[in-house]
Amino acid sequence: MTHRILFVCLGNICRSHAAEGAFRARAPHHTTDSAGTSGWHIGDPPYGPMQMATLLRGIKLDDLRARQFTARDFDRFDLIIGMDADNIADIEALRPAGNETPVRLLTDFAPNIGTDHVPDPYYTRDFDGALDLIEAAVEGLDAHLRS
């Protein structure tokens, strides 16, 4: 079965792009996209240091561009995945009445990683640490969708 999955973070230049790229590499038969809850970076490519970190792992992000999350995304996707609780709150604030599209934290799919969110490497500068969490979680997401 093919799923339509949206990955969401704050600016859509680091975490959500990395999660989309890692998931596409692992499960290319699904339809994926990514977005940010803010509009700061609309049209921008992924942040350079994140692109470098993902390239070292064989994950290409160069075709991605930032966009802002909208209420229409609830109808366009089967599953919406946020990187932290603030992202989830911002996503839920736009949920149309009566819409039941599931919204989950990415870390829900990797409960043994020891954290409930993916820290933003734009601020922490820990791109490899964020990617370790993202790769573990997208592996769990893929397993969840196969079950």
N, C-alpha and C. Protein backbone atom coordinates (compact mmCIF):
# COMPACT_ATOMS: atom_id res chain seq x y z
N MET A 1 0.84 -1.18 0.00
CA MET A 1 0.00 0.00 0.00
C MET A 1 0.89 1.25 0.00
N THR A 2 0.51 2.23 -0.76
CA THR A 2 1.25 3.49 -0.83
C THR A 2 0.59 4.51 0.10
N HIS A 3 1.41 5.21 0.84
CA HIS A 3 0.93 6.24 1.76
C HIS A 3 1.41 7.60 1.31
N ARG A 4 0.69 8.63 1.71
CA ARG A 4 1.08 10.03 1.46
C ARG A 4 1.45 10.63 2.81
N ILE A 5 2.76 10.93 2.96
CA ILE A 5 3.28 11.33 4.26
C ILE A 5 3.93 12.71 4.17
N LEU A 6 3.59 13.57 5.12
CA LEU A 6 4.16 14.91 5.20
C LEU A 6 4.98 15.03 6.48
N PHE A 7 6.23 15.45 6.34
CA PHE A 7 7.13 15.69 7.47
C PHE A 7 7.18 17.20 7.72
N VAL A 8 7.02 17.61 8.98
CA VAL A 8 6.91 19.03 9.31
C VAL A 8 7.86 19.41 10.45
N CYS A 9 8.55 20.53 10.25
CA CYS A 9 9.35 21.13 11.33
C CYS A 9 9.08 22.63 11.33
N LEU A 10 9.94 23.39 11.96
CA LEU A 10 9.70 24.83 12.08
C LEU A 10 9.96 25.57 10.77
N GLY A 11 11.15 25.45 10.22
CA GLY A 11 11.51 26.25 9.04
C GLY A 11 11.53 25.50 7.73
N ASN A 12 11.48 24.18 7.77
CA ASN A 12 11.53 23.33 6.57
C ASN A 12 12.83 23.51 5.79
N ILE A 13 13.94 23.60 6.55
CA ILE A 13 15.25 23.62 5.89
C ILE A 13 16.22 22.60 6.48
N CYS A 14 15.85 21.97 7.60
CA CYS A 14 16.75 20.99 8.23
C CYS A 14 16.04 19.66 8.49
N ARG A 15 15.31 19.59 9.61
CA ARG A 15 14.76 18.32 10.08
C ARG A 15 13.73 17.69 9.14
N SER A 16 12.75 18.46 8.70
CA SER A 16 11.70 17.86 7.87
C SER A 16 12.24 17.45 6.50
N HIS A 17 13.15 18.25 5.93
CA HIS A 17 13.78 17.84 4.67
C HIS A 17 14.60 16.58 4.88
N ALA A 18 15.37 16.52 5.97
CA ALA A 18 16.19 15.34 6.23
C ALA A 18 15.31 14.10 6.44
N ALA A 19 14.20 14.25 7.16
CA ALA A 19 13.30 13.12 7.38
C ALA A 19 12.67 12.68 6.06
N GLU A 20 12.26 13.63 5.25
CA GLU A 20 11.70 13.28 3.95
C GLU A 20 12.73 12.54 3.10
N GLY A 21 13.94 13.08 3.03
CA GLY A 21 14.99 12.45 2.24
C GLY A 21 15.36 11.06 2.74
N ALA A 22 15.48 10.90 4.05
CA ALA A 22 15.82 9.60 4.62
C ALA A 22 14.70 8.59 4.37
N PHE A 23 13.45 9.04 4.49
CA PHE A 23 12.33 8.13 4.26
C PHE A 23 12.21 7.78 2.78
N ARG A 24 12.40 8.75 1.89
CA ARG A 24 12.36 8.47 0.44
C ARG A 24 13.41 7.44 0.07
N ALA A 25 14.61 7.57 0.64
CA ALA A 25 15.68 6.62 0.34
C ALA A 25 15.33 5.22 0.81
N ARG A 26 14.62 5.12 1.92
CA ARG A 26 14.28 3.83 2.50
C ARG A 26 13.02 3.22 1.87
N ALA A 27 12.04 4.06 1.54
CA ALA A 27 10.73 3.59 1.07
C ALA A 27 10.25 4.47 -0.08
N PRO A 28 10.89 4.37 -1.24
CA PRO A 28 10.59 5.29 -2.34
C PRO A 28 9.20 5.14 -2.96
N HIS A 29 8.50 4.08 -2.63
CA HIS A 29 7.17 3.86 -3.21
C HIS A 29 6.09 4.73 -2.57
N HIS A 30 6.39 5.36 -1.45
CA HIS A 30 5.43 6.25 -0.80
C HIS A 30 5.56 7.67 -1.38
N THR A 31 4.49 8.43 -1.29
CA THR A 31 4.50 9.83 -1.69
C THR A 31 4.87 10.65 -0.46
N THR A 32 5.89 11.49 -0.58
CA THR A 32 6.33 12.28 0.56
C THR A 32 6.45 13.76 0.21
N ASP A 33 6.42 14.57 1.23
CA ASP A 33 6.66 16.00 1.11
C ASP A 33 7.10 16.47 2.48
N SER A 34 7.53 17.72 2.55
CA SER A 34 7.88 18.31 3.83
C SER A 34 7.46 19.77 3.82
N ALA A 35 7.28 20.31 5.02
CA ALA A 35 6.82 21.69 5.16
C ALA A 35 7.29 22.23 6.50
N GLY A 36 7.20 23.54 6.64
CA GLY A 36 7.52 24.20 7.89
C GLY A 36 6.30 24.91 8.44
N THR A 37 6.24 25.03 9.75
CA THR A 37 5.12 25.75 10.34
C THR A 37 5.29 27.25 10.20
N SER A 38 6.51 27.70 9.92
CA SER A 38 6.76 29.12 9.67
C SER A 38 6.95 29.34 8.17
N GLY A 39 6.87 30.57 7.76
CA GLY A 39 7.08 30.91 6.36
C GLY A 39 8.41 31.57 6.09
N TRP A 40 9.34 31.48 7.03
CA TRP A 40 10.62 32.19 6.93
C TRP A 40 11.45 31.82 5.71
N HIS A 41 11.38 30.56 5.29
CA HIS A 41 12.32 30.08 4.27
C HIS A 41 11.63 29.61 2.98
N ILE A 42 10.42 30.03 2.72
CA ILE A 42 9.67 29.55 1.55
C ILE A 42 10.54 29.68 0.30
N GLY A 43 10.65 28.58 -0.43
CA GLY A 43 11.40 28.54 -1.68
C GLY A 43 12.88 28.24 -1.53
N ASP A 44 13.39 28.25 -0.29
CA ASP A 44 14.81 28.01 -0.07
C ASP A 44 15.14 26.52 -0.13
N PRO A 45 16.36 26.19 -0.58
CA PRO A 45 16.82 24.80 -0.53
C PRO A 45 17.13 24.42 0.92
N PRO A 46 17.33 23.13 1.18
CA PRO A 46 17.74 22.71 2.52
C PRO A 46 19.01 23.44 2.96
N TYR A 47 19.13 23.65 4.23
CA TYR A 47 20.27 24.34 4.82
C TYR A 47 21.56 23.60 4.47
N GLY A 48 22.57 24.34 4.03
CA GLY A 48 23.82 23.75 3.55
C GLY A 48 24.45 22.72 4.46
N PRO A 49 24.65 23.02 5.75
CA PRO A 49 25.24 22.01 6.63
C PRO A 49 24.40 20.73 6.74
N MET A 50 23.08 20.84 6.66
CA MET A 50 22.25 19.63 6.68
C MET A 50 22.42 18.86 5.39
N GLN A 51 22.47 19.55 4.27
CA GLN A 51 22.70 18.86 2.99
C GLN A 51 24.03 18.10 3.01
N MET A 52 25.06 18.72 3.55
CA MET A 52 26.37 18.06 3.62
C MET A 52 26.30 16.82 4.50
N ALA A 53 25.64 16.94 5.65
CA ALA A 53 25.53 15.80 6.57
C ALA A 53 24.74 14.66 5.95
N THR A 54 23.66 14.98 5.23
CA THR A 54 22.87 13.91 4.61
C THR A 54 23.61 13.28 3.44
N LEU A 55 24.33 14.09 2.67
CA LEU A 55 25.09 13.55 1.55
C LEU A 55 26.12 12.53 2.01
N LEU A 56 26.73 12.77 3.16
CA LEU A 56 27.71 11.82 3.70
C LEU A 56 27.06 10.48 4.04
N ARG A 57 25.74 10.47 4.17
CA ARG A 57 24.99 9.23 4.44
C ARG A 57 24.27 8.72 3.19
N GLY A 58 24.55 9.34 2.06
CA GLY A 58 23.95 8.89 0.81
C GLY A 58 22.53 9.38 0.59
N ILE A 59 22.12 10.42 1.30
CA ILE A 59 20.76 10.96 1.18
C ILE A 59 20.85 12.30 0.47
N LYS A 60 20.16 12.40 -0.66
CA LYS A 60 20.18 13.64 -1.44
C LYS A 60 18.93 14.48 -1.15
N LEU A 61 19.16 15.77 -0.94
CA LEU A 61 18.07 16.69 -0.65
C LEU A 61 18.00 17.84 -1.64
N ASP A 62 18.87 17.85 -2.64
CA ASP A 62 19.03 19.03 -3.50
C ASP A 62 17.79 19.39 -4.31
N ASP A 63 16.83 18.48 -4.46
CA ASP A 63 15.62 18.77 -5.22
C ASP A 63 14.51 19.37 -4.35
N LEU A 64 14.74 19.48 -3.05
CA LEU A 64 13.71 19.96 -2.13
C LEU A 64 13.76 21.47 -1.95
N ARG A 65 12.61 22.06 -1.73
CA ARG A 65 12.49 23.49 -1.44
C ARG A 65 11.49 23.67 -0.30
N ALA A 66 11.75 24.65 0.54
CA ALA A 66 10.91 24.91 1.70
C ALA A 66 9.54 25.46 1.29
N ARG A 67 8.54 25.04 2.03
CA ARG A 67 7.20 25.58 1.88
C ARG A 67 6.55 25.62 3.25
N GLN A 68 5.47 26.35 3.36
CA GLN A 68 4.78 26.46 4.64
C GLN A 68 3.62 25.49 4.71
N PHE A 69 3.43 24.90 5.88
CA PHE A 69 2.31 24.01 6.15
C PHE A 69 1.02 24.81 6.06
N THR A 70 -0.02 24.21 5.47
CA THR A 70 -1.33 24.85 5.38
C THR A 70 -2.42 23.86 5.79
N ALA A 71 -3.59 24.37 6.07
CA ALA A 71 -4.73 23.52 6.44
C ALA A 71 -5.06 22.52 5.32
N ARG A 72 -4.79 22.88 4.07
CA ARG A 72 -5.07 21.96 2.95
C ARG A 72 -4.26 20.67 3.06
N ASP A 73 -3.13 20.72 3.76
CA ASP A 73 -2.29 19.53 3.89
C ASP A 73 -3.01 18.40 4.61
N PHE A 74 -3.97 18.72 5.44
CA PHE A 74 -4.73 17.68 6.12
C PHE A 74 -5.49 16.80 5.12
N ASP A 75 -5.91 17.37 4.01
CA ASP A 75 -6.62 16.60 2.99
C ASP A 75 -5.68 15.94 1.98
N ARG A 76 -4.47 16.45 1.87
CA ARG A 76 -3.53 15.95 0.87
C ARG A 76 -2.71 14.76 1.34
N PHE A 77 -2.67 14.53 2.68
CA PHE A 77 -1.79 13.49 3.23
C PHE A 77 -2.56 12.54 4.14
N ASP A 78 -2.06 11.29 4.21
CA ASP A 78 -2.64 10.26 5.07
C ASP A 78 -2.07 10.33 6.48
N LEU A 79 -0.87 10.90 6.59
CA LEU A 79 -0.18 10.96 7.87
C LEU A 79 0.70 12.21 7.87
N ILE A 80 0.61 12.98 8.94
CA ILE A 80 1.43 14.19 9.10
C ILE A 80 2.32 13.97 10.32
N ILE A 81 3.62 14.20 10.13
CA ILE A 81 4.59 13.88 11.17
C ILE A 81 5.39 15.14 11.54
N GLY A 82 5.31 15.51 12.81
CA GLY A 82 6.06 16.66 13.32
C GLY A 82 7.32 16.21 14.04
N MET A 83 8.27 17.15 14.14
CA MET A 83 9.55 16.84 14.76
C MET A 83 9.58 17.11 16.26
N ASP A 84 8.68 17.97 16.75
CA ASP A 84 8.64 18.25 18.18
C ASP A 84 7.23 18.70 18.58
N ALA A 85 7.02 18.85 19.88
CA ALA A 85 5.69 19.18 20.39
C ALA A 85 5.20 20.54 19.90
N ASP A 86 6.10 21.51 19.73
CA ASP A 86 5.68 22.80 19.21
C ASP A 86 5.17 22.68 17.78
N ASN A 87 5.85 21.86 16.96
CA ASN A 87 5.37 21.62 15.60
C ASN A 87 3.97 21.00 15.63
N ILE A 88 3.79 20.03 16.49
CA ILE A 88 2.48 19.35 16.58
C ILE A 88 1.39 20.35 16.96
N ALA A 89 1.67 21.21 17.94
CA ALA A 89 0.68 22.21 18.36
C ALA A 89 0.35 23.17 17.22
N ASP A 90 1.36 23.60 16.47
CA ASP A 90 1.12 24.50 15.35
C ASP A 90 0.33 23.82 14.23
N ILE A 91 0.61 22.55 13.99
CA ILE A 91 -0.13 21.78 12.99
C ILE A 91 -1.59 21.65 13.42
N GLU A 92 -1.80 21.24 14.66
CA GLU A 92 -3.16 21.02 15.17
C GLU A 92 -3.97 22.32 15.18
N ALA A 93 -3.32 23.45 15.34
CA ALA A 93 -4.03 24.74 15.35
C ALA A 93 -4.68 25.03 14.00
N LEU A 94 -4.20 24.39 12.95
CA LEU A 94 -4.76 24.59 11.61
C LEU A 94 -5.70 23.47 11.16
N ARG A 95 -5.91 22.48 12.02
CA ARG A 95 -6.76 21.33 11.65
C ARG A 95 -8.18 21.79 11.35
N PRO A 96 -8.70 21.47 10.15
CA PRO A 96 -10.09 21.80 9.84
C PRO A 96 -11.06 20.98 10.70
N ALA A 97 -12.18 21.56 11.02
CA ALA A 97 -13.20 20.86 11.80
C ALA A 97 -13.58 19.56 11.11
N GLY A 98 -13.63 18.50 11.87
CA GLY A 98 -14.04 17.20 11.34
C GLY A 98 -12.95 16.40 10.68
N ASN A 99 -11.78 16.98 10.47
CA ASN A 99 -10.69 16.24 9.82
C ASN A 99 -10.06 15.28 10.81
N GLU A 100 -9.76 14.06 10.34
CA GLU A 100 -9.21 13.03 11.22
C GLU A 100 -7.84 12.54 10.79
N THR A 101 -7.14 13.26 9.93
CA THR A 101 -5.81 12.84 9.50
C THR A 101 -4.90 12.71 10.73
N PRO A 102 -4.25 11.56 10.90
CA PRO A 102 -3.37 11.40 12.05
C PRO A 102 -2.18 12.35 12.00
N VAL A 103 -1.84 12.89 13.16
CA VAL A 103 -0.65 13.73 13.34
C VAL A 103 0.16 13.10 14.46
N ARG A 104 1.41 12.79 14.16
CA ARG A 104 2.27 12.08 15.14
C ARG A 104 3.63 12.73 15.21
N LEU A 105 4.31 12.50 16.31
CA LEU A 105 5.71 12.86 16.42
C LEU A 105 6.56 11.83 15.70
N LEU A 106 7.61 12.26 15.03
CA LEU A 106 8.50 11.30 14.37
C LEU A 106 9.08 10.32 15.38
N THR A 107 9.42 10.82 16.56
CA THR A 107 10.03 9.95 17.56
C THR A 107 9.08 8.88 18.09
N ASP A 108 7.78 8.99 17.83
CA ASP A 108 6.83 7.94 18.21
C ASP A 108 7.20 6.62 17.55
N PHE A 109 7.89 6.69 16.43
CA PHE A 109 8.22 5.49 15.66
C PHE A 109 9.57 4.90 16.06
N ALA A 110 10.22 5.48 17.05
CA ALA A 110 11.48 4.96 17.57
C ALA A 110 11.50 5.19 19.09
N PRO A 111 10.66 4.47 19.82
CA PRO A 111 10.51 4.74 21.25
C PRO A 111 11.76 4.48 22.08
N ASN A 112 12.72 3.75 21.55
CA ASN A 112 13.91 3.42 22.33
C ASN A 112 15.08 4.37 22.12
N ILE A 113 14.85 5.51 21.47
CA ILE A 113 15.97 6.43 21.20
C ILE A 113 16.24 7.38 22.37
N GLY A 114 15.37 7.40 23.36
CA GLY A 114 15.65 8.18 24.56
C GLY A 114 15.26 9.64 24.50
N THR A 115 14.46 10.03 23.52
CA THR A 115 13.99 11.41 23.46
C THR A 115 12.61 11.43 22.81
N ASP A 116 11.86 12.49 23.10
CA ASP A 116 10.51 12.60 22.52
C ASP A 116 10.46 13.62 21.39
N HIS A 117 11.63 14.07 20.91
CA HIS A 117 11.64 15.04 19.82
C HIS A 117 12.99 14.98 19.09
N VAL A 118 13.01 15.56 17.90
CA VAL A 118 14.26 15.71 17.17
C VAL A 118 14.72 17.14 17.38
N PRO A 119 15.81 17.37 18.13
CA PRO A 119 16.29 18.73 18.36
C PRO A 119 16.65 19.40 17.02
N ASP A 120 16.43 20.70 16.96
CA ASP A 120 16.66 21.44 15.72
C ASP A 120 18.15 21.73 15.54
N PRO A 121 18.79 21.10 14.56
CA PRO A 121 20.23 21.30 14.38
C PRO A 121 20.60 22.67 13.87
N TYR A 122 19.64 23.43 13.36
CA TYR A 122 19.91 24.80 12.96
C TYR A 122 20.40 25.59 14.19
N TYR A 123 19.85 25.23 15.35
CA TYR A 123 20.23 25.91 16.59
C TYR A 123 21.29 25.12 17.38
N THR A 124 21.17 23.79 17.42
CA THR A 124 22.11 22.99 18.21
C THR A 124 23.43 22.76 17.48
N ARG A 125 23.41 22.85 16.15
CA ARG A 125 24.57 22.58 15.27
C ARG A 125 24.95 21.10 15.25
N ASP A 126 24.12 20.23 15.83
CA ASP A 126 24.40 18.80 15.86
C ASP A 126 23.62 18.09 14.75
N PHE A 127 24.10 18.27 13.53
CA PHE A 127 23.43 17.70 12.36
C PHE A 127 23.50 16.17 12.37
N ASP A 128 24.64 15.61 12.76
CA ASP A 128 24.76 14.15 12.80
C ASP A 128 23.87 13.55 13.87
N GLY A 129 23.80 14.20 15.03
CA GLY A 129 22.92 13.70 16.09
C GLY A 129 21.46 13.72 15.66
N ALA A 130 21.03 14.79 15.00
CA ALA A 130 19.66 14.86 14.50
C ALA A 130 19.42 13.77 13.46
N LEU A 131 20.39 13.56 12.59
CA LEU A 131 20.24 12.51 11.56
C LEU A 131 20.19 11.12 12.17
N ASP A 132 20.95 10.88 13.22
CA ASP A 132 20.87 9.58 13.89
C ASP A 132 19.45 9.32 14.38
N LEU A 133 18.84 10.33 15.01
CA LEU A 133 17.46 10.19 15.50
C LEU A 133 16.49 10.02 14.34
N ILE A 134 16.65 10.82 13.31
CA ILE A 134 15.76 10.76 12.15
C ILE A 134 15.84 9.40 11.47
N GLU A 135 17.04 8.89 11.25
CA GLU A 135 17.17 7.60 10.57
C GLU A 135 16.57 6.47 11.40
N ALA A 136 16.75 6.49 12.71
CA ALA A 136 16.14 5.47 13.56
C ALA A 136 14.61 5.55 13.49
N ALA A 137 14.10 6.76 13.50
CA ALA A 137 12.64 6.94 13.48
C ALA A 137 12.04 6.58 12.13
N VAL A 138 12.70 6.93 11.02
CA VAL A 138 12.10 6.56 9.72
C VAL A 138 12.19 5.06 9.49
N GLU A 139 13.17 4.40 10.08
CA GLU A 139 13.19 2.94 10.03
C GLU A 139 11.97 2.38 10.75
N GLY A 140 11.66 2.94 11.92
CA GLY A 140 10.46 2.53 12.65
C GLY A 140 9.18 2.87 11.93
N LEU A 141 9.15 4.03 11.28
CA LEU A 141 7.97 4.43 10.50
C LEU A 141 7.75 3.44 9.36
N ASP A 142 8.81 3.09 8.65
CA ASP A 142 8.69 2.13 7.57
C ASP A 142 8.15 0.79 8.08
N ALA A 143 8.67 0.32 9.20
CA ALA A 143 8.20 -0.94 9.78
C ALA A 143 6.73 -0.82 10.17
N HIS A 144 6.35 0.30 10.76
CA HIS A 144 4.95 0.52 11.15
C HIS A 144 4.02 0.48 9.93
N LEU A 145 4.42 1.10 8.84
CA LEU A 145 3.57 1.12 7.66
C LEU A 145 3.48 -0.24 6.98
N ARG A 146 4.48 -1.06 7.17
CA ARG A 146 4.47 -2.42 6.59
C ARG A 146 3.60 -3.38 7.40
N SER A 147 3.37 -3.06 8.67
CA SER A 147 2.63 -4.01 9.54
C SER A 147 1.13 -3.92 9.36
